[in-house]
Amino acid sequence: MRLILSERDDIAACVRDARPRLGTDDSLVVVIRESGDSLFAAQARAAIAPLAIEAAPVTRINAVLSHNGARAADVEAAISYLETALSTTGQILEIR
């Protein structure tokens, strides 16, 4: 499952709201688009690992941070990788 955040979203609340819709051994990939708000980006980065620990071992939570100028195909490839990487959780892939 993919969760695309905007800078107005509370990452922890959004992830916790999405978890009941996931099945056992599912993956949640949070897509964070770069914005002018550096505080939002820092909060999102800091939240991923604790949220992944909270959801483990039932659900894997990872993130893709898409910087301005990142190619859509590269972002999609990172999301696809994280959705299928069965032993990966709490990670952030930055695409520039």
PDB file of N, CA and C in Angstrom:
ATOM      1  N   MET A   1       0.843  -1.167   0.000  1.00  0.00           N
ATOM      2  CA  MET A   1       0.000   0.000   0.000  1.00  0.00           C
ATOM      3  C   MET A   1       0.895   1.238   0.000  1.00  0.00           C
ATOM      4  N   ARG A   2       0.457   2.253  -0.689  1.00  0.00           N
ATOM      5  CA  ARG A   2       1.193   3.515  -0.749  1.00  0.00           C
ATOM      6  C   ARG A   2       0.412   4.597  -0.042  1.00  0.00           C
ATOM      7  N   LEU A   3       1.136   5.448   0.635  1.00  0.00           N
ATOM      8  CA  LEU A   3       0.547   6.568   1.335  1.00  0.00           C
ATOM      9  C   LEU A   3       1.326   7.810   0.920  1.00  0.00           C
ATOM     10  N   ILE A   4       0.678   8.704   0.202  1.00  0.00           N
ATOM     11  CA  ILE A   4       1.344   9.906  -0.290  1.00  0.00           C
ATOM     12  C   ILE A   4       0.996  11.059   0.643  1.00  0.00           C
ATOM     13  N   LEU A   5       2.027  11.664   1.220  1.00  0.00           N
ATOM     14  CA  LEU A   5       1.834  12.734   2.195  1.00  0.00           C
ATOM     15  C   LEU A   5       2.030  14.106   1.574  1.00  0.00           C
ATOM     16  N   SER A   6       1.314  15.054   2.117  1.00  0.00           N
ATOM     17  CA  SER A   6       1.580  16.457   1.806  1.00  0.00           C
ATOM     18  C   SER A   6       2.123  17.087   3.087  1.00  0.00           C
ATOM     19  N   GLU A   7       2.665  18.276   2.980  1.00  0.00           N
ATOM     20  CA  GLU A   7       3.295  18.878   4.155  1.00  0.00           C
ATOM     21  C   GLU A   7       2.308  19.265   5.247  1.00  0.00           C
ATOM     22  N   ARG A   8       1.025  19.205   4.964  1.00  0.00           N
ATOM     23  CA  ARG A   8       0.026  19.484   5.992  1.00  0.00           C
ATOM     24  C   ARG A   8      -0.347  18.236   6.796  1.00  0.00           C
ATOM     25  N   ASP A   9       0.104  17.062   6.356  1.00  0.00           N
ATOM     26  CA  ASP A   9      -0.285  15.809   6.998  1.00  0.00           C
ATOM     27  C   ASP A   9       0.562  15.496   8.227  1.00  0.00           C
ATOM     28  N   ASP A  10      -0.070  14.872   9.196  1.00  0.00           N
ATOM     29  CA  ASP A  10       0.618  14.337  10.372  1.00  0.00           C
ATOM     30  C   ASP A  10       0.995  12.903  10.026  1.00  0.00           C
ATOM     31  N   ILE A  11       2.283  12.657   9.811  1.00  0.00           N
ATOM     32  CA  ILE A  11       2.725  11.350   9.322  1.00  0.00           C
ATOM     33  C   ILE A  11       2.313  10.222  10.262  1.00  0.00           C
ATOM     34  N   ALA A  12       2.480  10.407  11.555  1.00  0.00           N
ATOM     35  CA  ALA A  12       2.141   9.332  12.494  1.00  0.00           C
ATOM     36  C   ALA A  12       0.654   9.014  12.443  1.00  0.00           C
ATOM     37  N   ALA A  13      -0.183  10.029  12.423  1.00  0.00           N
ATOM     38  CA  ALA A  13      -1.630   9.799  12.363  1.00  0.00           C
ATOM     39  C   ALA A  13      -2.027   9.127  11.055  1.00  0.00           C
ATOM     40  N   CYS A  14      -1.441   9.555   9.948  1.00  0.00           N
ATOM     41  CA  CYS A  14      -1.772   8.961   8.643  1.00  0.00           C
ATOM     42  C   CYS A  14      -1.373   7.493   8.584  1.00  0.00           C
ATOM     43  N   VAL A  15      -0.183   7.173   9.090  1.00  0.00           N
ATOM     44  CA  VAL A  15       0.280   5.776   9.087  1.00  0.00           C
ATOM     45  C   VAL A  15      -0.594   4.931  10.000  1.00  0.00           C
ATOM     46  N   ARG A  16      -0.889   5.422  11.173  1.00  0.00           N
ATOM     47  CA  ARG A  16      -1.731   4.650  12.106  1.00  0.00           C
ATOM     48  C   ARG A  16      -3.140   4.454  11.559  1.00  0.00           C
ATOM     49  N   ASP A  17      -3.658   5.437  10.835  1.00  0.00           N
ATOM     50  CA  ASP A  17      -4.983   5.293  10.214  1.00  0.00           C
ATOM     51  C   ASP A  17      -4.970   4.270   9.081  1.00  0.00           C
ATOM     52  N   ALA A  18      -3.859   4.148   8.380  1.00  0.00           N
ATOM     53  CA  ALA A  18      -3.763   3.230   7.241  1.00  0.00           C
ATOM     54  C   ALA A  18      -3.542   1.781   7.673  1.00  0.00           C
ATOM     55  N   ARG A  19      -2.924   1.563   8.807  1.00  0.00           N
ATOM     56  CA  ARG A  19      -2.555   0.205   9.218  1.00  0.00           C
ATOM     57  C   ARG A  19      -3.721  -0.780   9.297  1.00  0.00           C
ATOM     58  N   PRO A  20      -4.914  -0.402   9.777  1.00  0.00           N
ATOM     59  CA  PRO A  20      -6.007  -1.378   9.841  1.00  0.00           C
ATOM     60  C   PRO A  20      -6.430  -1.908   8.464  1.00  0.00           C
ATOM     61  N   ARG A  21      -6.120  -1.180   7.400  1.00  0.00           N
ATOM     62  CA  ARG A  21      -6.480  -1.620   6.046  1.00  0.00           C
ATOM     63  C   ARG A  21      -5.461  -2.590   5.466  1.00  0.00           C
ATOM     64  N   LEU A  22      -4.389  -2.854   6.189  1.00  0.00           N
ATOM     65  CA  LEU A  22      -3.340  -3.749   5.714  1.00  0.00           C
ATOM     66  C   LEU A  22      -3.539  -5.147   6.283  1.00  0.00           C
ATOM     67  N   GLY A  23      -3.135  -6.129   5.511  1.00  0.00           N
ATOM     68  CA  GLY A  23      -3.192  -7.501   5.977  1.00  0.00           C
ATOM     69  C   GLY A  23      -1.876  -7.914   6.613  1.00  0.00           C
ATOM     70  N   THR A  24      -1.807  -9.147   7.051  1.00  0.00           N
ATOM     71  CA  THR A  24      -0.578  -9.695   7.620  1.00  0.00           C
ATOM     72  C   THR A  24       0.506  -9.727   6.556  1.00  0.00           C
ATOM     73  N   ASP A  25       1.696  -9.343   6.929  1.00  0.00           N
ATOM     74  CA  ASP A  25       2.870  -9.311   6.049  1.00  0.00           C
ATOM     75  C   ASP A  25       2.748  -8.296   4.922  1.00  0.00           C
ATOM     76  N   ASP A  26       1.881  -7.312   5.069  1.00  0.00           N
ATOM     77  CA  ASP A  26       1.772  -6.258   4.064  1.00  0.00           C
ATOM     78  C   ASP A  26       2.836  -5.195   4.289  1.00  0.00           C
ATOM     79  N   SER A  27       2.986  -4.370   3.281  1.00  0.00           N
ATOM     80  CA  SER A  27       3.957  -3.291   3.318  1.00  0.00           C
ATOM     81  C   SER A  27       3.250  -1.961   3.113  1.00  0.00           C
ATOM     82  N   LEU A  28       3.685  -0.956   3.858  1.00  0.00           N
ATOM     83  CA  LEU A  28       3.197   0.397   3.674  1.00  0.00           C
ATOM     84  C   LEU A  28       4.398   1.250   3.285  1.00  0.00           C
ATOM     85  N   VAL A  29       4.312   1.870   2.129  1.00  0.00           N
ATOM     86  CA  VAL A  29       5.378   2.765   1.674  1.00  0.00           C
ATOM     87  C   VAL A  29       4.827   4.187   1.710  1.00  0.00           C
ATOM     88  N   VAL A  30       5.457   5.012   2.520  1.00  0.00           N
ATOM     89  CA  VAL A  30       5.063   6.404   2.658  1.00  0.00           C
ATOM     90  C   VAL A  30       5.870   7.210   1.643  1.00  0.00           C
ATOM     91  N   VAL A  31       5.168   7.945   0.790  1.00  0.00           N
ATOM     92  CA  VAL A  31       5.838   8.768  -0.215  1.00  0.00           C
ATOM     93  C   VAL A  31       5.807  10.212   0.278  1.00  0.00           C
ATOM     94  N   ILE A  32       6.995  10.757   0.465  1.00  0.00           N
ATOM     95  CA  ILE A  32       7.148  12.119   0.976  1.00  0.00           C
ATOM     96  C   ILE A  32       7.750  12.955  -0.140  1.00  0.00           C
ATOM     97  N   ARG A  33       7.032  13.939  -0.581  1.00  0.00           N
ATOM     98  CA  ARG A  33       7.539  14.835  -1.625  1.00  0.00           C
ATOM     99  C   ARG A  33       8.259  16.002  -0.963  1.00  0.00           C
ATOM    100  N   GLU A  34       9.413  16.336  -1.510  1.00  0.00           N
ATOM    101  CA  GLU A  34      10.177  17.451  -0.964  1.00  0.00           C
ATOM    102  C   GLU A  34       9.357  18.729  -1.030  1.00  0.00           C
ATOM    103  N   SER A  35       9.461  19.480   0.029  1.00  0.00           N
ATOM    104  CA  SER A  35       8.741  20.751   0.070  1.00  0.00           C
ATOM    105  C   SER A  35       9.675  21.816   0.613  1.00  0.00           C
ATOM    106  N   GLY A  36       9.196  23.029   0.665  1.00  0.00           N
ATOM    107  CA  GLY A  36       9.976  24.114   1.220  1.00  0.00           C
ATOM    108  C   GLY A  36      10.027  24.080   2.735  1.00  0.00           C
ATOM    109  N   ASP A  37       9.240  23.208   3.338  1.00  0.00           N
ATOM    110  CA  ASP A  37       9.160  23.119   4.792  1.00  0.00           C
ATOM    111  C   ASP A  37      10.155  22.069   5.298  1.00  0.00           C
ATOM    112  N   SER A  38      11.319  22.514   5.721  1.00  0.00           N
ATOM    113  CA  SER A  38      12.349  21.578   6.167  1.00  0.00           C
ATOM    114  C   SER A  38      11.959  20.886   7.478  1.00  0.00           C
ATOM    115  N   LEU A  39      11.122  21.526   8.286  1.00  0.00           N
ATOM    116  CA  LEU A  39      10.656  20.899   9.525  1.00  0.00           C
ATOM    117  C   LEU A  39       9.791  19.675   9.217  1.00  0.00           C
ATOM    118  N   PHE A  40       8.907  19.787   8.220  1.00  0.00           N
ATOM    119  CA  PHE A  40       8.075  18.647   7.829  1.00  0.00           C
ATOM    120  C   PHE A  40       8.946  17.472   7.393  1.00  0.00           C
ATOM    121  N   ALA A  41       9.939  17.748   6.548  1.00  0.00           N
ATOM    122  CA  ALA A  41      10.819  16.679   6.061  1.00  0.00           C
ATOM    123  C   ALA A  41      11.570  16.025   7.222  1.00  0.00           C
ATOM    124  N   ALA A  42      12.052  16.813   8.161  1.00  0.00           N
ATOM    125  CA  ALA A  42      12.770  16.268   9.312  1.00  0.00           C
ATOM    126  C   ALA A  42      11.853  15.419  10.188  1.00  0.00           C
ATOM    127  N   GLN A  43      10.632  15.893  10.399  1.00  0.00           N
ATOM    128  CA  GLN A  43       9.674  15.125  11.204  1.00  0.00           C
ATOM    129  C   GLN A  43       9.323  13.808  10.513  1.00  0.00           C
ATOM    130  N   ALA A  44       9.142  13.856   9.213  1.00  0.00           N
ATOM    131  CA  ALA A  44       8.809  12.641   8.473  1.00  0.00           C
ATOM    132  C   ALA A  44       9.948  11.637   8.550  1.00  0.00           C
ATOM    133  N   ARG A  45      11.175  12.105   8.354  1.00  0.00           N
ATOM    134  CA  ARG A  45      12.338  11.210   8.456  1.00  0.00           C
ATOM    135  C   ARG A  45      12.436  10.591   9.852  1.00  0.00           C
ATOM    136  N   ALA A  46      12.231  11.412  10.867  1.00  0.00           N
ATOM    137  CA  ALA A  46      12.361  10.930  12.244  1.00  0.00           C
ATOM    138  C   ALA A  46      11.259   9.958  12.634  1.00  0.00           C
ATOM    139  N   ALA A  47      10.113  10.026  11.994  1.00  0.00           N
ATOM    140  CA  ALA A  47       8.963   9.205  12.390  1.00  0.00           C
ATOM    141  C   ALA A  47       8.984   7.794  11.807  1.00  0.00           C
ATOM    142  N   ILE A  48       9.650   7.583  10.688  1.00  0.00           N
ATOM    143  CA  ILE A  48       9.552   6.300   9.988  1.00  0.00           C
ATOM    144  C   ILE A  48      10.034   5.126  10.843  1.00  0.00           C
ATOM    145  N   ALA A  49      11.229   5.200  11.415  1.00  0.00           N
ATOM    146  CA  ALA A  49      11.755   4.061  12.186  1.00  0.00           C
ATOM    147  C   ALA A  49      10.879   3.722  13.394  1.00  0.00           C
ATOM    148  N   PRO A  50      10.479   4.686  14.223  1.00  0.00           N
ATOM    149  CA  PRO A  50       9.605   4.323  15.347  1.00  0.00           C
ATOM    150  C   PRO A  50       8.256   3.741  14.904  1.00  0.00           C
ATOM    151  N   LEU A  51       7.699   4.266  13.813  1.00  0.00           N
ATOM    152  CA  LEU A  51       6.436   3.714  13.308  1.00  0.00           C
ATOM    153  C   LEU A  51       6.629   2.282  12.803  1.00  0.00           C
ATOM    154  N   ALA A  52       7.780   2.017  12.196  1.00  0.00           N
ATOM    155  CA  ALA A  52       8.072   0.660  11.717  1.00  0.00           C
ATOM    156  C   ALA A  52       8.217  -0.306  12.893  1.00  0.00           C
ATOM    157  N   ILE A  53       8.865   0.142  13.946  1.00  0.00           N
ATOM    158  CA  ILE A  53       9.011  -0.707  15.139  1.00  0.00           C
ATOM    159  C   ILE A  53       7.648  -0.994  15.751  1.00  0.00           C
ATOM    160  N   GLU A  54       6.811   0.025  15.800  1.00  0.00           N
ATOM    161  CA  GLU A  54       5.466  -0.126  16.362  1.00  0.00           C
ATOM    162  C   GLU A  54       4.632  -1.140  15.568  1.00  0.00           C
ATOM    163  N   ALA A  55       4.802  -1.173  14.257  1.00  0.00           N
ATOM    164  CA  ALA A  55       3.996  -2.039  13.395  1.00  0.00           C
ATOM    165  C   ALA A  55       4.562  -3.448  13.241  1.00  0.00           C
ATOM    166  N   ALA A  56       5.838  -3.629  13.540  1.00  0.00           N
ATOM    167  CA  ALA A  56       6.491  -4.925  13.359  1.00  0.00           C
ATOM    168  C   ALA A  56       5.936  -5.936  14.351  1.00  0.00           C
ATOM    169  N   PRO A  57       5.953  -7.194  14.039  1.00  0.00           N
ATOM    170  CA  PRO A  57       6.411  -7.831  12.800  1.00  0.00           C
ATOM    171  C   PRO A  57       5.309  -8.029  11.757  1.00  0.00           C
ATOM    172  N   VAL A  58       4.127  -7.529  12.030  1.00  0.00           N
ATOM    173  CA  VAL A  58       2.990  -7.766  11.137  1.00  0.00           C
ATOM    174  C   VAL A  58       3.082  -6.948   9.854  1.00  0.00           C
ATOM    175  N   THR A  59       3.495  -5.691   9.969  1.00  0.00           N
ATOM    176  CA  THR A  59       3.520  -4.784   8.827  1.00  0.00           C
ATOM    177  C   THR A  59       4.897  -4.154   8.692  1.00  0.00           C
ATOM    178  N   ARG A  60       5.353  -3.982   7.459  1.00  0.00           N
ATOM    179  CA  ARG A  60       6.611  -3.281   7.181  1.00  0.00           C
ATOM    180  C   ARG A  60       6.275  -1.861   6.755  1.00  0.00           C
ATOM    181  N   ILE A  61       6.971  -0.891   7.332  1.00  0.00           N
ATOM    182  CA  ILE A  61       6.761   0.512   6.979  1.00  0.00           C
ATOM    183  C   ILE A  61       8.082   1.108   6.533  1.00  0.00           C
ATOM    184  N   ASN A  62       8.091   1.662   5.336  1.00  0.00           N
ATOM    185  CA  ASN A  62       9.257   2.311   4.755  1.00  0.00           C
ATOM    186  C   ASN A  62       8.813   3.601   4.090  1.00  0.00           C
ATOM    187  N   ALA A  63       9.773   4.373   3.600  1.00  0.00           N
ATOM    188  CA  ALA A  63       9.425   5.642   2.961  1.00  0.00           C
ATOM    189  C   ALA A  63      10.319   5.921   1.769  1.00  0.00           C
ATOM    190  N   VAL A  64       9.775   6.693   0.848  1.00  0.00           N
ATOM    191  CA  VAL A  64      10.533   7.229  -0.279  1.00  0.00           C
ATOM    192  C   VAL A  64      10.425   8.743  -0.185  1.00  0.00           C
ATOM    193  N   LEU A  65      11.566   9.403  -0.121  1.00  0.00           N
ATOM    194  CA  LEU A  65      11.611  10.860  -0.101  1.00  0.00           C
ATOM    195  C   LEU A  65      11.979  11.324  -1.503  1.00  0.00           C
ATOM    196  N   SER A  66      11.022  11.936  -2.162  1.00  0.00           N
ATOM    197  CA  SER A  66      11.198  12.370  -3.550  1.00  0.00           C
ATOM    198  C   SER A  66      11.598  13.844  -3.573  1.00  0.00           C
ATOM    199  N   HIS A  67      12.832  14.104  -3.982  1.00  0.00           N
ATOM    200  CA  HIS A  67      13.322  15.481  -4.073  1.00  0.00           C
ATOM    201  C   HIS A  67      12.832  16.129  -5.362  1.00  0.00           C
ATOM    202  N   ASN A  68      12.809  17.454  -5.371  1.00  0.00           N
ATOM    203  CA  ASN A  68      12.454  18.183  -6.592  1.00  0.00           C
ATOM    204  C   ASN A  68      13.404  17.773  -7.712  1.00  0.00           C
ATOM    205  N   GLY A  69      12.859  17.508  -8.878  1.00  0.00           N
ATOM    206  CA  GLY A  69      13.665  17.089 -10.015  1.00  0.00           C
ATOM    207  C   GLY A  69      13.841  15.587 -10.136  1.00  0.00           C
ATOM    208  N   ALA A  70      13.354  14.829  -9.161  1.00  0.00           N
ATOM    209  CA  ALA A  70      13.459  13.371  -9.236  1.00  0.00           C
ATOM    210  C   ALA A  70      12.577  12.855 -10.366  1.00  0.00           C
ATOM    211  N   ARG A  71      13.089  11.897 -11.103  1.00  0.00           N
ATOM    212  CA  ARG A  71      12.304  11.327 -12.201  1.00  0.00           C
ATOM    213  C   ARG A  71      11.228  10.401 -11.636  1.00  0.00           C
ATOM    214  N   ALA A  72      10.043  10.483 -12.203  1.00  0.00           N
ATOM    215  CA  ALA A  72       8.910   9.666 -11.745  1.00  0.00           C
ATOM    216  C   ALA A  72       9.236   8.177 -11.822  1.00  0.00           C
ATOM    217  N   ALA A  73       9.966   7.765 -12.854  1.00  0.00           N
ATOM    218  CA  ALA A  73      10.318   6.344 -13.000  1.00  0.00           C
ATOM    219  C   ALA A  73      11.228   5.884 -11.864  1.00  0.00           C
ATOM    220  N   ASP A  74      12.117   6.753 -11.408  1.00  0.00           N
ATOM    221  CA  ASP A  74      13.008   6.399 -10.300  1.00  0.00           C
ATOM    222  C   ASP A  74      12.242   6.293  -8.987  1.00  0.00           C
ATOM    223  N   VAL A  75      11.303   7.192  -8.786  1.00  0.00           N
ATOM    224  CA  VAL A  75      10.470   7.139  -7.579  1.00  0.00           C
ATOM    225  C   VAL A  75       9.631   5.862  -7.587  1.00  0.00           C
ATOM    226  N   GLU A  76       9.054   5.543  -8.716  1.00  0.00           N
ATOM    227  CA  GLU A  76       8.245   4.323  -8.846  1.00  0.00           C
ATOM    228  C   GLU A  76       9.084   3.073  -8.594  1.00  0.00           C
ATOM    229  N   ALA A  77      10.304   3.050  -9.098  1.00  0.00           N
ATOM    230  CA  ALA A  77      11.189   1.900  -8.891  1.00  0.00           C
ATOM    231  C   ALA A  77      11.518   1.727  -7.407  1.00  0.00           C
ATOM    232  N   ALA A  78      11.754   2.834  -6.708  1.00  0.00           N
ATOM    233  CA  ALA A  78      12.046   2.758  -5.272  1.00  0.00           C
ATOM    234  C   ALA A  78      10.836   2.243  -4.497  1.00  0.00           C
ATOM    235  N   ILE A  79       9.659   2.733  -4.847  1.00  0.00           N
ATOM    236  CA  ILE A  79       8.437   2.272  -4.186  1.00  0.00           C
ATOM    237  C   ILE A  79       8.233   0.776  -4.428  1.00  0.00           C
ATOM    238  N   SER A  80       8.389   0.341  -5.666  1.00  0.00           N
ATOM    239  CA  SER A  80       8.219  -1.075  -6.001  1.00  0.00           C
ATOM    240  C   SER A  80       9.211  -1.941  -5.241  1.00  0.00           C
ATOM    241  N   TYR A  81      10.452  -1.483  -5.146  1.00  0.00           N
ATOM    242  CA  TYR A  81      11.457  -2.236  -4.401  1.00  0.00           C
ATOM    243  C   TYR A  81      11.039  -2.400  -2.939  1.00  0.00           C
ATOM    244  N   LEU A  82      10.659  -1.304  -2.300  1.00  0.00           N
ATOM    245  CA  LEU A  82      10.295  -1.371  -0.883  1.00  0.00           C
ATOM    246  C   LEU A  82       9.050  -2.210  -0.640  1.00  0.00           C
ATOM    247  N   GLU A  83       8.124  -2.211  -1.592  1.00  0.00           N
ATOM    248  CA  GLU A  83       6.916  -3.031  -1.447  1.00  0.00           C
ATOM    249  C   GLU A  83       7.235  -4.523  -1.451  1.00  0.00           C
ATOM    250  N   THR A  84       8.317  -4.902  -2.106  1.00  0.00           N
ATOM    251  CA  THR A  84       8.643  -6.325  -2.234  1.00  0.00           C
ATOM    252  C   THR A  84       9.839  -6.769  -1.406  1.00  0.00           C
ATOM    253  N   ALA A  85      10.529  -5.855  -0.743  1.00  0.00           N
ATOM    254  CA  ALA A  85      11.706  -6.200   0.065  1.00  0.00           C
ATOM    255  C   ALA A  85      11.238  -6.726   1.421  1.00  0.00           C
ATOM    256  N   LEU A  86      11.092  -8.030   1.519  1.00  0.00           N
ATOM    257  CA  LEU A  86      10.453  -8.646   2.674  1.00  0.00           C
ATOM    258  C   LEU A  86      11.196  -8.475   3.990  1.00  0.00           C
ATOM    259  N   SER A  87      12.486  -8.230   3.951  1.00  0.00           N
ATOM    260  CA  SER A  87      13.233  -8.081   5.200  1.00  0.00           C
ATOM    261  C   SER A  87      13.628  -6.631   5.479  1.00  0.00           C
ATOM    262  N   THR A  88      12.959  -5.690   4.824  1.00  0.00           N
ATOM    263  CA  THR A  88      13.290  -4.283   4.974  1.00  0.00           C
ATOM    264  C   THR A  88      12.139  -3.542   5.636  1.00  0.00           C
ATOM    265  N   THR A  89      12.438  -2.855   6.725  1.00  0.00           N
ATOM    266  CA  THR A  89      11.445  -2.018   7.382  1.00  0.00           C
ATOM    267  C   THR A  89      12.154  -0.871   8.083  1.00  0.00           C
ATOM    268  N   GLY A  90      11.475   0.264   8.163  1.00  0.00           N
ATOM    269  CA  GLY A  90      12.036   1.427   8.833  1.00  0.00           C
ATOM    270  C   GLY A  90      13.060   2.199   8.018  1.00  0.00           C
ATOM    271  N   GLN A  91      13.088   1.955   6.709  1.00  0.00           N
ATOM    272  CA  GLN A  91      14.099   2.587   5.852  1.00  0.00           C
ATOM    273  C   GLN A  91      13.503   3.726   5.020  1.00  0.00           C
ATOM    274  N   ILE A  92      14.376   4.660   4.664  1.00  0.00           N
ATOM    275  CA  ILE A  92      13.983   5.785   3.804  1.00  0.00           C
ATOM    276  C   ILE A  92      14.925   5.817   2.609  1.00  0.00           C
ATOM    277  N   LEU A  93      14.358   5.747   1.425  1.00  0.00           N
ATOM    278  CA  LEU A  93      15.149   5.884   0.201  1.00  0.00           C
ATOM    279  C   LEU A  93      14.923   7.298  -0.338  1.00  0.00           C
ATOM    280  N   GLU A  94      16.016   8.020  -0.523  1.00  0.00           N
ATOM    281  CA  GLU A  94      15.918   9.373  -1.059  1.00  0.00           C
ATOM    282  C   GLU A  94      16.228   9.344  -2.540  1.00  0.00           C
ATOM    283  N   ILE A  95      15.315   9.892  -3.319  1.00  0.00           N
ATOM    284  CA  ILE A  95      15.478   9.922  -4.767  1.00  0.00           C
ATOM    285  C   ILE A  95      15.689  11.378  -5.168  1.00  0.00           C
ATOM    286  N   ARG A  96      16.831  11.638  -5.785  1.00  0.00           N
ATOM    287  CA  ARG A  96      17.184  13.008  -6.203  1.00  0.00           C
ATOM    288  C   ARG A  96      17.114  13.141  -7.692  1.00  0.00           C
TER     289      ARG A  96
END
